Amino acid sequence: MIEEGKPLFLQIAEQIEDSILDGSLEEESQAPSTNELAGFYRINPATAAKGVAMLTDEGVLYKRRGIGMFVAAGAKDLLLGERRAAFADRYIEPLIAEARTLGLGSDDLVALLHERATQTQQNDQTEGKTTA
């Protein structure tokens, strides 16, 4: 899981976010403790705590005094909204800019996306992969 060049606390926070998004950490369920995270990833507990604190500040996790950290109600929707916005900024905006340069309109982009998605789905089926 450890990626070079990316702060460990961000990687911890993203891992917890991914677990919330994929459903392995449900809303109102207890999140791993900083000591559990530190032991699992073999990192300093303070580093794990920094990632957990970041998620607490964002309203993704909350603390139950004396019990531990829990996934907040609405955390999954919050994360989906943030990730969709980041996806649009990182991928869609540059795609639209390049499309304009090439003289492609929105209908052209939709047609290209549909064509490529269909090809990918067919390739996945040929290779025995499942698609959503």
C-alpha atoms as a PDB file:
ATOM      1  CA  MET A   1       0.000   0.000   0.000  1.00  0.00           C
ATOM      2  CA  ILE A   2       2.841   2.422   0.692  1.00  0.00           C
ATOM      3  CA  GLU A   3       3.410   4.791  -2.253  1.00  0.00           C
ATOM      4  CA  GLU A   4       6.695   6.613  -2.623  1.00  0.00           C
ATOM      5  CA  GLY A   5       6.444  10.392  -2.625  1.00  0.00           C
ATOM      6  CA  LYS A   6       3.013  10.592  -1.000  1.00  0.00           C
ATOM      7  CA  PRO A   7       2.743  11.408   2.711  1.00  0.00           C
ATOM      8  CA  LEU A   8       1.904   8.321   4.767  1.00  0.00           C
ATOM      9  CA  PHE A   9      -0.870  10.039   6.702  1.00  0.00           C
ATOM     10  CA  LEU A  10      -2.636  10.857   3.403  1.00  0.00           C
ATOM     11  CA  GLN A  11      -2.293   7.238   2.314  1.00  0.00           C
ATOM     12  CA  ILE A  12      -3.822   6.086   5.610  1.00  0.00           C
ATOM     13  CA  ALA A  13      -6.719   8.527   5.200  1.00  0.00           C
ATOM     14  CA  GLU A  14      -7.296   7.398   1.595  1.00  0.00           C
ATOM     15  CA  GLN A  15      -7.249   3.744   2.638  1.00  0.00           C
ATOM     16  CA  ILE A  16      -9.928   4.404   5.236  1.00  0.00           C
ATOM     17  CA  GLU A  17     -11.924   6.399   2.664  1.00  0.00           C
ATOM     18  CA  ASP A  18     -11.646   3.525   0.183  1.00  0.00           C
ATOM     19  CA  SER A  19     -12.922   1.110   2.836  1.00  0.00           C
ATOM     20  CA  ILE A  20     -15.924   3.359   3.439  1.00  0.00           C
ATOM     21  CA  LEU A  21     -16.627   3.681  -0.270  1.00  0.00           C
ATOM     22  CA  ASP A  22     -16.371  -0.056  -0.963  1.00  0.00           C
ATOM     23  CA  GLY A  23     -18.606  -0.848   2.008  1.00  0.00           C
ATOM     24  CA  SER A  24     -16.093  -2.743   4.112  1.00  0.00           C
ATOM     25  CA  LEU A  25     -16.375   0.055   6.703  1.00  0.00           C
ATOM     26  CA  GLU A  26     -20.041   0.930   7.072  1.00  0.00           C
ATOM     27  CA  GLU A  27     -21.461   4.134   8.479  1.00  0.00           C
ATOM     28  CA  GLU A  28     -21.668   4.075  12.278  1.00  0.00           C
ATOM     29  CA  SER A  29     -19.193   1.169  12.436  1.00  0.00           C
ATOM     30  CA  GLN A  30     -15.973   1.407  14.396  1.00  0.00           C
ATOM     31  CA  ALA A  31     -12.909   2.433  12.414  1.00  0.00           C
ATOM     32  CA  PRO A  32      -9.503   0.887  13.070  1.00  0.00           C
ATOM     33  CA  SER A  33      -7.598   2.505  15.921  1.00  0.00           C
ATOM     34  CA  THR A  34      -4.417   4.448  15.305  1.00  0.00           C
ATOM     35  CA  ASN A  35      -2.471   1.671  17.033  1.00  0.00           C
ATOM     36  CA  GLU A  36      -4.061  -0.974  14.785  1.00  0.00           C
ATOM     37  CA  LEU A  37      -3.247   1.106  11.694  1.00  0.00           C
ATOM     38  CA  ALA A  38       0.302   1.745  12.894  1.00  0.00           C
ATOM     39  CA  GLY A  39       0.868  -1.949  13.556  1.00  0.00           C
ATOM     40  CA  PHE A  40      -0.649  -3.084  10.279  1.00  0.00           C
ATOM     41  CA  TYR A  41       1.319  -0.624   8.128  1.00  0.00           C
ATOM     42  CA  ARG A  42       4.382  -0.624  10.394  1.00  0.00           C
ATOM     43  CA  ILE A  43       4.385   3.122  10.835  1.00  0.00           C
ATOM     44  CA  ASN A  44       4.560   5.527  13.754  1.00  0.00           C
ATOM     45  CA  PRO A  45       1.213   5.802  15.599  1.00  0.00           C
ATOM     46  CA  ALA A  46       1.456   9.614  15.351  1.00  0.00           C
ATOM     47  CA  THR A  47       1.449   9.316  11.556  1.00  0.00           C
ATOM     48  CA  ALA A  48      -1.654   7.128  11.631  1.00  0.00           C
ATOM     49  CA  ALA A  49      -3.264   9.563  14.079  1.00  0.00           C
ATOM     50  CA  LYS A  50      -2.635  12.440  11.674  1.00  0.00           C
ATOM     51  CA  GLY A  51      -4.542  10.623   8.901  1.00  0.00           C
ATOM     52  CA  VAL A  52      -7.410   9.790  11.265  1.00  0.00           C
ATOM     53  CA  ALA A  53      -7.485  13.392  12.543  1.00  0.00           C
ATOM     54  CA  MET A  54      -7.743  14.655   8.978  1.00  0.00           C
ATOM     55  CA  LEU A  55     -10.821  12.485   8.410  1.00  0.00           C
ATOM     56  CA  THR A  56     -12.276  13.654  11.720  1.00  0.00           C
ATOM     57  CA  ASP A  57     -11.797  17.289  10.698  1.00  0.00           C
ATOM     58  CA  GLU A  58     -13.596  16.542   7.413  1.00  0.00           C
ATOM     59  CA  GLY A  59     -16.544  14.949   9.218  1.00  0.00           C
ATOM     60  CA  VAL A  60     -15.883  11.448   7.878  1.00  0.00           C
ATOM     61  CA  LEU A  61     -15.027  10.001  11.303  1.00  0.00           C
ATOM     62  CA  TYR A  62     -16.066  10.980  14.801  1.00  0.00           C
ATOM     63  CA  LYS A  63     -14.839  10.012  18.239  1.00  0.00           C
ATOM     64  CA  ARG A  64     -16.853   8.265  20.925  1.00  0.00           C
ATOM     65  CA  ARG A  65     -15.032   9.099  24.112  1.00  0.00           C
ATOM     66  CA  GLY A  66     -13.462   6.041  25.647  1.00  0.00           C
ATOM     67  CA  ILE A  67     -14.569   3.755  22.808  1.00  0.00           C
ATOM     68  CA  GLY A  68     -12.803   4.842  19.626  1.00  0.00           C
ATOM     69  CA  MET A  69     -13.363   6.321  16.178  1.00  0.00           C
ATOM     70  CA  PHE A  70     -16.499   5.645  14.158  1.00  0.00           C
ATOM     71  CA  VAL A  71     -17.613   6.295  10.595  1.00  0.00           C
ATOM     72  CA  ALA A  72     -20.012   9.234  10.545  1.00  0.00           C
ATOM     73  CA  ALA A  73     -23.516   8.997   9.143  1.00  0.00           C
ATOM     74  CA  GLY A  74     -23.420  10.377   5.602  1.00  0.00           C
ATOM     75  CA  ALA A  75     -19.675   9.763   5.259  1.00  0.00           C
ATOM     76  CA  LYS A  76     -20.048   7.683   2.105  1.00  0.00           C
ATOM     77  CA  ASP A  77     -22.118  10.345   0.338  1.00  0.00           C
ATOM     78  CA  LEU A  78     -19.674  13.030   1.469  1.00  0.00           C
ATOM     79  CA  LEU A  79     -16.717  11.070   0.096  1.00  0.00           C
ATOM     80  CA  LEU A  80     -18.502  10.270  -3.165  1.00  0.00           C
ATOM     81  CA  GLY A  81     -19.220  13.961  -3.678  1.00  0.00           C
ATOM     82  CA  GLU A  82     -15.609  14.916  -2.990  1.00  0.00           C
ATOM     83  CA  ARG A  83     -14.220  12.193  -5.246  1.00  0.00           C
ATOM     84  CA  ARG A  84     -16.621  13.062  -8.086  1.00  0.00           C
ATOM     85  CA  ALA A  85     -15.608  16.719  -7.897  1.00  0.00           C
ATOM     86  CA  ALA A  86     -11.916  15.770  -7.867  1.00  0.00           C
ATOM     87  CA  PHE A  87     -12.503  13.403 -10.809  1.00  0.00           C
ATOM     88  CA  ALA A  88     -14.132  16.203 -12.787  1.00  0.00           C
ATOM     89  CA  ASP A  89     -11.279  18.594 -12.006  1.00  0.00           C
ATOM     90  CA  ARG A  90      -8.547  16.079 -12.764  1.00  0.00           C
ATOM     91  CA  TYR A  91      -9.986  14.320 -15.818  1.00  0.00           C
ATOM     92  CA  ILE A  92     -13.100  15.965 -17.231  1.00  0.00           C
ATOM     93  CA  GLU A  93     -11.873  19.571 -17.415  1.00  0.00           C
ATOM     94  CA  PRO A  94      -8.697  18.629 -19.329  1.00  0.00           C
ATOM     95  CA  LEU A  95     -10.766  16.308 -21.562  1.00  0.00           C
ATOM     96  CA  ILE A  96     -13.128  19.137 -22.461  1.00  0.00           C
ATOM     97  CA  ALA A  97     -10.232  21.520 -23.096  1.00  0.00           C
ATOM     98  CA  GLU A  98      -8.537  19.041 -25.439  1.00  0.00           C
ATOM     99  CA  ALA A  99     -11.840  18.299 -27.166  1.00  0.00           C
ATOM    100  CA  ARG A 100     -12.285  22.014 -27.884  1.00  0.00           C
ATOM    101  CA  THR A 101      -8.780  22.124 -29.340  1.00  0.00           C
ATOM    102  CA  LEU A 102      -9.721  19.231 -31.635  1.00  0.00           C
ATOM    103  CA  GLY A 103     -13.043  20.781 -32.577  1.00  0.00           C
ATOM    104  CA  LEU A 104     -15.097  18.121 -30.828  1.00  0.00           C
ATOM    105  CA  GLY A 105     -18.453  19.016 -29.304  1.00  0.00           C
ATOM    106  CA  SER A 106     -20.228  17.441 -26.370  1.00  0.00           C
ATOM    107  CA  ASP A 107     -22.104  14.997 -28.632  1.00  0.00           C
ATOM    108  CA  ASP A 108     -18.774  13.862 -30.099  1.00  0.00           C
ATOM    109  CA  LEU A 109     -17.363  13.321 -26.608  1.00  0.00           C
ATOM    110  CA  VAL A 110     -20.398  11.325 -25.508  1.00  0.00           C
ATOM    111  CA  ALA A 111     -20.130   9.152 -28.628  1.00  0.00           C
ATOM    112  CA  LEU A 112     -16.401   8.540 -28.026  1.00  0.00           C
ATOM    113  CA  LEU A 113     -16.971   7.686 -24.362  1.00  0.00           C
ATOM    114  CA  HIS A 114     -19.764   5.307 -25.251  1.00  0.00           C
ATOM    115  CA  GLU A 115     -17.655   3.650 -27.957  1.00  0.00           C
ATOM    116  CA  ARG A 116     -14.666   3.180 -25.635  1.00  0.00           C
ATOM    117  CA  ALA A 117     -16.810   1.975 -22.737  1.00  0.00           C
ATOM    118  CA  THR A 118     -18.412  -0.617 -25.010  1.00  0.00           C
ATOM    119  CA  GLN A 119     -14.989  -1.777 -26.227  1.00  0.00           C
ATOM    120  CA  THR A 120     -13.702  -2.054 -22.667  1.00  0.00           C
ATOM    121  CA  GLN A 121     -16.768  -4.012 -21.587  1.00  0.00           C
ATOM    122  CA  GLN A 122     -16.384  -6.402 -24.516  1.00  0.00           C
ATOM    123  CA  ASN A 123     -12.675  -6.883 -23.767  1.00  0.00           C
ATOM    124  CA  ASP A 124     -13.466  -7.561 -20.109  1.00  0.00           C
ATOM    125  CA  GLN A 125     -16.069 -10.148 -21.063  1.00  0.00           C
ATOM    126  CA  THR A 126     -13.635 -11.793 -23.454  1.00  0.00           C
ATOM    127  CA  GLU A 127     -11.033 -11.970 -20.679  1.00  0.00           C
ATOM    128  CA  GLY A 128     -13.580 -13.289 -18.175  1.00  0.00           C
ATOM    129  CA  LYS A 129     -13.702 -10.145 -16.045  1.00  0.00           C
ATOM    130  CA  THR A 130     -16.954  -8.914 -14.564  1.00  0.00           C
ATOM    131  CA  THR A 131     -18.163  -5.389 -15.186  1.00  0.00           C
ATOM    132  CA  ALA A 132     -20.365  -3.160 -13.092  1.00  0.00           C
END
